Amino acid sequence: MKLFAYILSAIYYLVFGLILVIFHLIQWVCFNVFGYQAHKKSVDILNFFLLKTLLFLGSGVRFENKFASQLKKNTTYIIVANHQSMYDIPPIIWYLRKLHPKFISKKELGKGIPSISYNLRHGGSVLIDRKDPRQSLTAIKEFSNYLNKTKHSAVIFPEGTRSRTGKPKAFSPNGLLMLFKNCPDAEILPVTINNSWKLQRYGSFPLGIGVGVNIKVQEPIPIKDRDPKELLQLVEEAVTKDIVNK
């Protein structure tokens, strides 16, 4: 089985890398010639294709959103999810594309990766230095102002780093509290991710094969008129209640 994983992973990375290179150029043209909307559309399509590349591994994503009809237009959502692998990101961008999701990401991802780094720098996301709490909180505050103005949404993985076993880590409160404080009219959209860690069970190579990733959107939670500390606990419970590996 692991021999097949090596073969399929090599094919997967070849296709994955080709898509990133092609869409890097597409993004550049869309952003510099046609502006934000065209650039966003190119990013959406990029992530659709990145999702489909999982088929080369015999894997796929099941995305469950029973609350889609409750999601409001012109409303900022703070999408809070557990974090198991880099493969958590394309499904969120594609399936929640109507919310214009923007990421709070470590600054190291802002350079060196075709398509991904370009989108993080130019698509409205924020890059933070996790070794510099002051810079991080200042950047998140500025990011909050951007969200309030545009009504776009934020994606935050409050565990900070990926869980390599699927078992959830404790949430770091600082980034969430800053968003709660500065985006009081936003709503929280908890998201539970299962099994994506299995794609990297052996590390980056080979990748796991035959993995069924499950992503479930939980009921939205308004921020307004709630105690921040109680809200933190409520959100963490909503995200982690359906995680399989506890």
C-alpha atoms as a PDB file:
ATOM      1  CA  MET A   1       0.000   0.000   0.000  1.00  0.00           C
ATOM      2  CA  LYS A   2       2.791   2.417   0.863  1.00  0.00           C
ATOM      3  CA  LEU A   3       4.447   1.726  -2.508  1.00  0.00           C
ATOM      4  CA  PHE A   4       1.268   2.916  -4.211  1.00  0.00           C
ATOM      5  CA  ALA A   5       1.318   5.956  -1.933  1.00  0.00           C
ATOM      6  CA  TYR A   6       4.783   6.901  -3.269  1.00  0.00           C
ATOM      7  CA  ILE A   7       3.700   6.541  -6.891  1.00  0.00           C
ATOM      8  CA  LEU A   8       0.411   8.406  -6.486  1.00  0.00           C
ATOM      9  CA  SER A   9       2.028  11.126  -4.372  1.00  0.00           C
ATOM     10  CA  ALA A  10       4.612  11.810  -7.081  1.00  0.00           C
ATOM     11  CA  ILE A  11       1.840  12.212  -9.655  1.00  0.00           C
ATOM     12  CA  TYR A  12      -0.172  14.342  -7.241  1.00  0.00           C
ATOM     13  CA  TYR A  13       2.696  16.749  -6.518  1.00  0.00           C
ATOM     14  CA  LEU A  14       3.469  17.117 -10.209  1.00  0.00           C
ATOM     15  CA  VAL A  15      -0.120  18.138 -10.975  1.00  0.00           C
ATOM     16  CA  PHE A  16      -0.425  20.226  -7.790  1.00  0.00           C
ATOM     17  CA  GLY A  17       2.740  22.179  -8.583  1.00  0.00           C
ATOM     18  CA  LEU A  18       1.720  22.740 -12.193  1.00  0.00           C
ATOM     19  CA  ILE A  19      -1.621  24.165 -11.084  1.00  0.00           C
ATOM     20  CA  LEU A  20       0.097  26.552  -8.653  1.00  0.00           C
ATOM     21  CA  VAL A  21       2.480  27.829 -11.323  1.00  0.00           C
ATOM     22  CA  ILE A  22      -0.259  28.325 -13.933  1.00  0.00           C
ATOM     23  CA  PHE A  23      -2.577  30.105 -11.512  1.00  0.00           C
ATOM     24  CA  HIS A  24       0.215  32.322 -10.211  1.00  0.00           C
ATOM     25  CA  LEU A  25       0.311  33.937 -13.636  1.00  0.00           C
ATOM     26  CA  ILE A  26      -3.488  33.988 -13.879  1.00  0.00           C
ATOM     27  CA  GLN A  27      -3.739  35.667 -10.473  1.00  0.00           C
ATOM     28  CA  TRP A  28      -1.167  38.285 -11.429  1.00  0.00           C
ATOM     29  CA  VAL A  29      -3.076  39.208 -14.582  1.00  0.00           C
ATOM     30  CA  CYS A  30      -6.443  39.227 -12.817  1.00  0.00           C
ATOM     31  CA  PHE A  31      -5.216  41.375  -9.935  1.00  0.00           C
ATOM     32  CA  ASN A  32      -3.165  43.885 -11.916  1.00  0.00           C
ATOM     33  CA  VAL A  33      -5.439  44.224 -14.944  1.00  0.00           C
ATOM     34  CA  PHE A  34      -8.974  43.529 -13.732  1.00  0.00           C
ATOM     35  CA  GLY A  35      -8.918  44.118  -9.958  1.00  0.00           C
ATOM     36  CA  TYR A  36     -10.206  42.434  -6.832  1.00  0.00           C
ATOM     37  CA  GLN A  37     -13.273  40.589  -8.138  1.00  0.00           C
ATOM     38  CA  ALA A  38     -11.387  38.953 -11.002  1.00  0.00           C
ATOM     39  CA  HIS A  39      -8.531  38.047  -8.685  1.00  0.00           C
ATOM     40  CA  LYS A  40     -10.917  36.476  -6.175  1.00  0.00           C
ATOM     41  CA  LYS A  41     -12.586  34.464  -8.925  1.00  0.00           C
ATOM     42  CA  SER A  42      -9.202  33.143 -10.017  1.00  0.00           C
ATOM     43  CA  VAL A  43      -8.414  32.114  -6.427  1.00  0.00           C
ATOM     44  CA  ASP A  44     -11.768  30.351  -6.117  1.00  0.00           C
ATOM     45  CA  ILE A  45     -11.130  28.366  -9.293  1.00  0.00           C
ATOM     46  CA  LEU A  46      -7.561  27.610  -8.205  1.00  0.00           C
ATOM     47  CA  ASN A  47      -8.841  26.025  -5.014  1.00  0.00           C
ATOM     48  CA  PHE A  48     -11.494  24.067  -6.886  1.00  0.00           C
ATOM     49  CA  PHE A  49      -8.724  22.452  -8.933  1.00  0.00           C
ATOM     50  CA  LEU A  50      -6.575  21.890  -5.826  1.00  0.00           C
ATOM     51  CA  LEU A  51      -9.504  20.015  -4.307  1.00  0.00           C
ATOM     52  CA  LYS A  52      -9.837  17.869  -7.399  1.00  0.00           C
ATOM     53  CA  THR A  53      -6.148  16.912  -7.326  1.00  0.00           C
ATOM     54  CA  LEU A  54      -6.937  14.795  -4.253  1.00  0.00           C
ATOM     55  CA  LEU A  55      -8.534  12.353  -6.674  1.00  0.00           C
ATOM     56  CA  PHE A  56      -5.007  11.348  -7.717  1.00  0.00           C
ATOM     57  CA  LEU A  57      -4.603  10.046  -4.158  1.00  0.00           C
ATOM     58  CA  GLY A  58      -7.950   8.280  -4.165  1.00  0.00           C
ATOM     59  CA  SER A  59      -9.063  10.861  -1.610  1.00  0.00           C
ATOM     60  CA  GLY A  60     -11.773  13.488  -1.418  1.00  0.00           C
ATOM     61  CA  VAL A  61     -13.609  16.000   0.753  1.00  0.00           C
ATOM     62  CA  ARG A  62     -17.160  15.803   2.076  1.00  0.00           C
ATOM     63  CA  PHE A  63     -18.332  19.290   3.046  1.00  0.00           C
ATOM     64  CA  GLU A  64     -21.466  19.561   5.188  1.00  0.00           C
ATOM     65  CA  ASN A  65     -23.165  22.927   5.683  1.00  0.00           C
ATOM     66  CA  LYS A  66     -26.716  22.638   7.027  1.00  0.00           C
ATOM     67  CA  PHE A  67     -26.692  26.343   7.850  1.00  0.00           C
ATOM     68  CA  ALA A  68     -25.967  27.675   4.364  1.00  0.00           C
ATOM     69  CA  SER A  69     -29.437  29.256   4.132  1.00  0.00           C
ATOM     70  CA  GLN A  70     -28.817  31.124   7.406  1.00  0.00           C
ATOM     71  CA  LEU A  71     -25.661  32.859   6.218  1.00  0.00           C
ATOM     72  CA  LYS A  72     -26.347  36.528   5.615  1.00  0.00           C
ATOM     73  CA  LYS A  73     -25.146  38.824   2.877  1.00  0.00           C
ATOM     74  CA  ASN A  74     -23.045  41.852   3.829  1.00  0.00           C
ATOM     75  CA  THR A  75     -22.067  40.218   7.109  1.00  0.00           C
ATOM     76  CA  THR A  76     -18.572  39.504   8.344  1.00  0.00           C
ATOM     77  CA  TYR A  77     -18.049  35.954   9.578  1.00  0.00           C
ATOM     78  CA  ILE A  78     -15.157  34.824  11.722  1.00  0.00           C
ATOM     79  CA  ILE A  79     -14.611  31.278  10.516  1.00  0.00           C
ATOM     80  CA  VAL A  80     -13.004  29.349  13.376  1.00  0.00           C
ATOM     81  CA  ALA A  81     -11.712  25.864  12.623  1.00  0.00           C
ATOM     82  CA  ASN A  82      -9.466  23.205  14.061  1.00  0.00           C
ATOM     83  CA  HIS A  83      -6.335  22.641  12.000  1.00  0.00           C
ATOM     84  CA  GLN A  84      -5.063  19.256  10.846  1.00  0.00           C
ATOM     85  CA  SER A  85      -3.146  19.876   7.620  1.00  0.00           C
ATOM     86  CA  MET A  86      -2.555  22.288   4.739  1.00  0.00           C
ATOM     87  CA  TYR A  87      -5.424  20.498   3.004  1.00  0.00           C
ATOM     88  CA  ASP A  88      -7.904  22.192   5.355  1.00  0.00           C
ATOM     89  CA  ILE A  89      -7.600  25.404   3.359  1.00  0.00           C
ATOM     90  CA  PRO A  90      -8.820  24.744  -0.224  1.00  0.00           C
ATOM     91  CA  PRO A  91     -12.228  23.387   0.910  1.00  0.00           C
ATOM     92  CA  ILE A  92     -12.849  26.467   3.071  1.00  0.00           C
ATOM     93  CA  ILE A  93     -11.953  28.825   0.226  1.00  0.00           C
ATOM     94  CA  TRP A  94     -14.064  26.958  -2.334  1.00  0.00           C
ATOM     95  CA  TYR A  95     -17.156  25.951  -0.371  1.00  0.00           C
ATOM     96  CA  LEU A  96     -17.384  29.214   1.589  1.00  0.00           C
ATOM     97  CA  ARG A  97     -16.349  31.418  -1.338  1.00  0.00           C
ATOM     98  CA  LYS A  98     -19.484  33.578  -1.081  1.00  0.00           C
ATOM     99  CA  LEU A  99     -18.198  34.796   2.292  1.00  0.00           C
ATOM    100  CA  HIS A 100     -14.900  36.055   0.803  1.00  0.00           C
ATOM    101  CA  PRO A 101     -12.733  34.182   3.349  1.00  0.00           C
ATOM    102  CA  LYS A 102      -9.404  35.824   4.230  1.00  0.00           C
ATOM    103  CA  PHE A 103      -6.739  34.169   6.329  1.00  0.00           C
ATOM    104  CA  ILE A 104      -4.720  35.020   9.388  1.00  0.00           C
ATOM    105  CA  SER A 105      -1.490  33.323   8.389  1.00  0.00           C
ATOM    106  CA  LYS A 106       2.107  33.153   9.547  1.00  0.00           C
ATOM    107  CA  LYS A 107       4.379  35.539   7.660  1.00  0.00           C
ATOM    108  CA  GLU A 108       6.614  32.726   6.368  1.00  0.00           C
ATOM    109  CA  LEU A 109       3.837  31.691   3.945  1.00  0.00           C
ATOM    110  CA  GLY A 110       3.861  35.134   2.341  1.00  0.00           C
ATOM    111  CA  LYS A 111       6.789  34.350   0.084  1.00  0.00           C
ATOM    112  CA  GLY A 112       8.228  31.498  -1.932  1.00  0.00           C
ATOM    113  CA  ILE A 113       5.066  29.512  -2.756  1.00  0.00           C
ATOM    114  CA  PRO A 114       3.567  30.105  -6.218  1.00  0.00           C
ATOM    115  CA  SER A 115      -0.087  31.225  -6.144  1.00  0.00           C
ATOM    116  CA  ILE A 116      -0.463  30.725  -2.389  1.00  0.00           C
ATOM    117  CA  SER A 117       1.985  33.436  -1.314  1.00  0.00           C
ATOM    118  CA  TYR A 118       0.666  35.826  -3.953  1.00  0.00           C
ATOM    119  CA  ASN A 119      -2.902  35.393  -2.743  1.00  0.00           C
ATOM    120  CA  LEU A 120      -1.919  35.883   0.888  1.00  0.00           C
ATOM    121  CA  ARG A 121      -0.124  39.129   0.026  1.00  0.00           C
ATOM    122  CA  HIS A 122      -2.699  40.593  -2.368  1.00  0.00           C
ATOM    123  CA  GLY A 123      -6.036  38.909  -1.627  1.00  0.00           C
ATOM    124  CA  GLY A 124      -6.875  40.630   1.662  1.00  0.00           C
ATOM    125  CA  SER A 125      -5.372  38.172   4.144  1.00  0.00           C
ATOM    126  CA  VAL A 126      -3.038  39.211   6.954  1.00  0.00           C
ATOM    127  CA  LEU A 127       0.446  37.885   7.687  1.00  0.00           C
ATOM    128  CA  ILE A 128       1.579  37.784  11.294  1.00  0.00           C
ATOM    129  CA  ASP A 129       4.874  37.157  13.038  1.00  0.00           C
ATOM    130  CA  ARG A 130       4.073  34.545  15.654  1.00  0.00           C
ATOM    131  CA  LYS A 131       7.306  35.392  17.481  1.00  0.00           C
ATOM    132  CA  ASP A 132       6.206  39.013  17.883  1.00  0.00           C
ATOM    133  CA  PRO A 133       2.882  39.218  19.803  1.00  0.00           C
ATOM    134  CA  ARG A 134       2.719  43.006  19.493  1.00  0.00           C
ATOM    135  CA  GLN A 135       3.038  42.898  15.699  1.00  0.00           C
ATOM    136  CA  SER A 136       0.496  40.090  15.518  1.00  0.00           C
ATOM    137  CA  LEU A 137      -2.146  41.881  17.548  1.00  0.00           C
ATOM    138  CA  THR A 138      -1.591  45.174  15.706  1.00  0.00           C
ATOM    139  CA  ALA A 139      -1.915  43.389  12.363  1.00  0.00           C
ATOM    140  CA  ILE A 140      -5.112  41.638  13.479  1.00  0.00           C
ATOM    141  CA  LYS A 141      -6.570  44.962  14.621  1.00  0.00           C
ATOM    142  CA  GLU A 142      -5.886  46.486  11.193  1.00  0.00           C
ATOM    143  CA  PHE A 143      -7.302  43.344   9.613  1.00  0.00           C
ATOM    144  CA  SER A 144     -10.473  43.818  11.675  1.00  0.00           C
ATOM    145  CA  ASN A 145     -10.888  47.316  10.264  1.00  0.00           C
ATOM    146  CA  TYR A 146     -10.578  45.861   6.761  1.00  0.00           C
ATOM    147  CA  LEU A 147     -13.236  43.239   7.546  1.00  0.00           C
ATOM    148  CA  ASN A 148     -15.643  45.832   8.941  1.00  0.00           C
ATOM    149  CA  LYS A 149     -15.226  47.979   5.849  1.00  0.00           C
ATOM    150  CA  THR A 150     -15.495  45.246   3.214  1.00  0.00           C
ATOM    151  CA  LYS A 151     -17.802  42.759   5.005  1.00  0.00           C
ATOM    152  CA  HIS A 152     -15.401  40.010   4.034  1.00  0.00           C
ATOM    153  CA  SER A 153     -14.769  37.125   6.422  1.00  0.00           C
ATOM    154  CA  ALA A 154     -11.776  35.939   8.425  1.00  0.00           C
ATOM    155  CA  VAL A 155     -10.455  32.404   8.780  1.00  0.00           C
ATOM    156  CA  ILE A 156      -8.511  31.640  11.927  1.00  0.00           C
ATOM    157  CA  PHE A 157      -7.043  28.391  13.227  1.00  0.00           C
ATOM    158  CA  PRO A 158      -6.734  29.207  16.942  1.00  0.00           C
ATOM    159  CA  GLU A 159      -4.751  26.061  17.750  1.00  0.00           C
ATOM    160  CA  GLY A 160      -1.828  27.891  16.148  1.00  0.00           C
ATOM    161  CA  THR A 161      -0.186  24.785  14.682  1.00  0.00           C
ATOM    162  CA  ARG A 162      -1.555  21.700  12.966  1.00  0.00           C
ATOM    163  CA  SER A 163      -2.585  18.651  14.950  1.00  0.00           C
ATOM    164  CA  ARG A 164      -0.667  15.734  13.454  1.00  0.00           C
ATOM    165  CA  THR A 165      -2.919  13.109  15.066  1.00  0.00           C
ATOM    166  CA  GLY A 166      -6.308  14.769  14.708  1.00  0.00           C
ATOM    167  CA  LYS A 167      -6.518  15.377  18.439  1.00  0.00           C
ATOM    168  CA  PRO A 168      -7.462  19.039  19.027  1.00  0.00           C
ATOM    169  CA  LYS A 169      -5.039  21.353  20.763  1.00  0.00           C
ATOM    170  CA  ALA A 170      -6.027  24.096  23.195  1.00  0.00           C
ATOM    171  CA  PHE A 171      -7.181  27.309  21.526  1.00  0.00           C
ATOM    172  CA  SER A 172      -4.976  30.369  21.849  1.00  0.00           C
ATOM    173  CA  PRO A 173      -7.326  33.193  22.895  1.00  0.00           C
ATOM    174  CA  ASN A 174      -5.491  36.374  21.866  1.00  0.00           C
ATOM    175  CA  GLY A 175      -6.318  36.516  18.158  1.00  0.00           C
ATOM    176  CA  LEU A 176      -9.937  35.543  18.705  1.00  0.00           C
ATOM    177  CA  LEU A 177     -10.418  38.082  21.483  1.00  0.00           C
ATOM    178  CA  MET A 178      -8.972  40.817  19.266  1.00  0.00           C
ATOM    179  CA  LEU A 179     -11.416  39.904  16.490  1.00  0.00           C
ATOM    180  CA  PHE A 180     -14.343  39.747  18.918  1.00  0.00           C
ATOM    181  CA  LYS A 181     -13.480  43.182  20.265  1.00  0.00           C
ATOM    182  CA  ASN A 182     -12.951  44.884  16.919  1.00  0.00           C
ATOM    183  CA  CYS A 183     -15.679  43.131  14.883  1.00  0.00           C
ATOM    184  CA  PRO A 184     -18.643  43.313  17.311  1.00  0.00           C
ATOM    185  CA  ASP A 185     -21.219  43.018  14.511  1.00  0.00           C
ATOM    186  CA  ALA A 186     -19.656  39.886  13.055  1.00  0.00           C
ATOM    187  CA  GLU A 187     -20.857  36.336  13.553  1.00  0.00           C
ATOM    188  CA  ILE A 188     -18.709  33.322  14.318  1.00  0.00           C
ATOM    189  CA  LEU A 189     -18.902  30.331  12.013  1.00  0.00           C
ATOM    190  CA  PRO A 190     -17.412  27.280  13.765  1.00  0.00           C
ATOM    191  CA  VAL A 191     -16.022  24.616  11.432  1.00  0.00           C
ATOM    192  CA  THR A 192     -15.029  21.075  12.403  1.00  0.00           C
ATOM    193  CA  ILE A 193     -12.411  19.224  10.329  1.00  0.00           C
ATOM    194  CA  ASN A 194     -11.837  15.483  10.498  1.00  0.00           C
ATOM    195  CA  ASN A 195      -9.306  13.172   8.837  1.00  0.00           C
ATOM    196  CA  SER A 196      -7.250  15.695   6.860  1.00  0.00           C
ATOM    197  CA  TRP A 197      -4.307  14.841   9.123  1.00  0.00           C
ATOM    198  CA  LYS A 198      -4.329  11.370   7.542  1.00  0.00           C
ATOM    199  CA  LEU A 199      -3.202  12.897   4.252  1.00  0.00           C
ATOM    200  CA  GLN A 200       0.089  13.685   5.985  1.00  0.00           C
ATOM    201  CA  ARG A 201       0.269  10.692   8.299  1.00  0.00           C
ATOM    202  CA  TYR A 202       3.702   9.802   6.819  1.00  0.00           C
ATOM    203  CA  GLY A 203       4.794  13.425   6.506  1.00  0.00           C
ATOM    204  CA  SER A 204       4.969  15.334   3.241  1.00  0.00           C
ATOM    205  CA  PHE A 205       6.024  12.290   1.173  1.00  0.00           C
ATOM    206  CA  PRO A 206       4.402   9.977   0.594  1.00  0.00           C
ATOM    207  CA  LEU A 207       0.950  11.323   1.266  1.00  0.00           C
ATOM    208  CA  GLY A 208      -1.814   9.147   2.653  1.00  0.00           C
ATOM    209  CA  ILE A 209      -4.116   7.620   0.064  1.00  0.00           C
ATOM    210  CA  GLY A 210      -7.801   6.746   0.153  1.00  0.00           C
ATOM    211  CA  VAL A 211      -8.571   9.420   2.758  1.00  0.00           C
ATOM    212  CA  GLY A 212     -12.071  10.781   3.233  1.00  0.00           C
ATOM    213  CA  VAL A 213     -11.792  14.286   4.683  1.00  0.00           C
ATOM    214  CA  ASN A 214     -14.931  15.488   6.434  1.00  0.00           C
ATOM    215  CA  ILE A 215     -15.663  19.157   7.088  1.00  0.00           C
ATOM    216  CA  LYS A 216     -18.758  20.258   8.976  1.00  0.00           C
ATOM    217  CA  VAL A 217     -20.035  23.799   9.406  1.00  0.00           C
ATOM    218  CA  GLN A 218     -21.625  24.381  12.805  1.00  0.00           C
ATOM    219  CA  GLU A 219     -24.381  26.837  13.689  1.00  0.00           C
ATOM    220  CA  PRO A 220     -23.356  30.527  13.459  1.00  0.00           C
ATOM    221  CA  ILE A 221     -22.877  32.369  16.753  1.00  0.00           C
ATOM    222  CA  PRO A 222     -23.438  36.159  16.994  1.00  0.00           C
ATOM    223  CA  ILE A 223     -20.740  38.092  18.853  1.00  0.00           C
ATOM    224  CA  LYS A 224     -22.873  41.032  19.959  1.00  0.00           C
ATOM    225  CA  ASP A 225     -23.842  41.233  23.645  1.00  0.00           C
ATOM    226  CA  ARG A 226     -21.836  38.161  24.685  1.00  0.00           C
ATOM    227  CA  ASP A 227     -19.114  37.942  27.287  1.00  0.00           C
ATOM    228  CA  PRO A 228     -15.818  37.370  25.393  1.00  0.00           C
ATOM    229  CA  LYS A 229     -14.534  34.629  27.706  1.00  0.00           C
ATOM    230  CA  GLU A 230     -17.817  32.743  27.617  1.00  0.00           C
ATOM    231  CA  LEU A 231     -17.842  33.171  23.859  1.00  0.00           C
ATOM    232  CA  LEU A 232     -14.353  31.657  23.608  1.00  0.00           C
ATOM    233  CA  GLN A 233     -15.500  28.569  25.467  1.00  0.00           C
ATOM    234  CA  LEU A 234     -18.682  28.316  23.412  1.00  0.00           C
ATOM    235  CA  VAL A 235     -16.777  28.518  20.135  1.00  0.00           C
ATOM    236  CA  GLU A 236     -14.145  25.980  21.181  1.00  0.00           C
ATOM    237  CA  GLU A 237     -16.860  23.543  22.232  1.00  0.00           C
ATOM    238  CA  ALA A 238     -18.710  24.059  18.931  1.00  0.00           C
ATOM    239  CA  VAL A 239     -15.577  23.369  16.876  1.00  0.00           C
ATOM    240  CA  THR A 240     -14.354  20.358  18.845  1.00  0.00           C
ATOM    241  CA  LYS A 241     -17.591  18.550  19.726  1.00  0.00           C
ATOM    242  CA  ASP A 242     -17.628  16.527  16.484  1.00  0.00           C
ATOM    243  CA  ILE A 243     -13.901  15.872  16.183  1.00  0.00           C
ATOM    244  CA  VAL A 244     -13.384  12.121  15.986  1.00  0.00           C
ATOM    245  CA  ASN A 245      -9.883  11.847  17.500  1.00  0.00           C
ATOM    246  CA  LYS A 246     -10.232  13.444  20.904  1.00  0.00           C
END
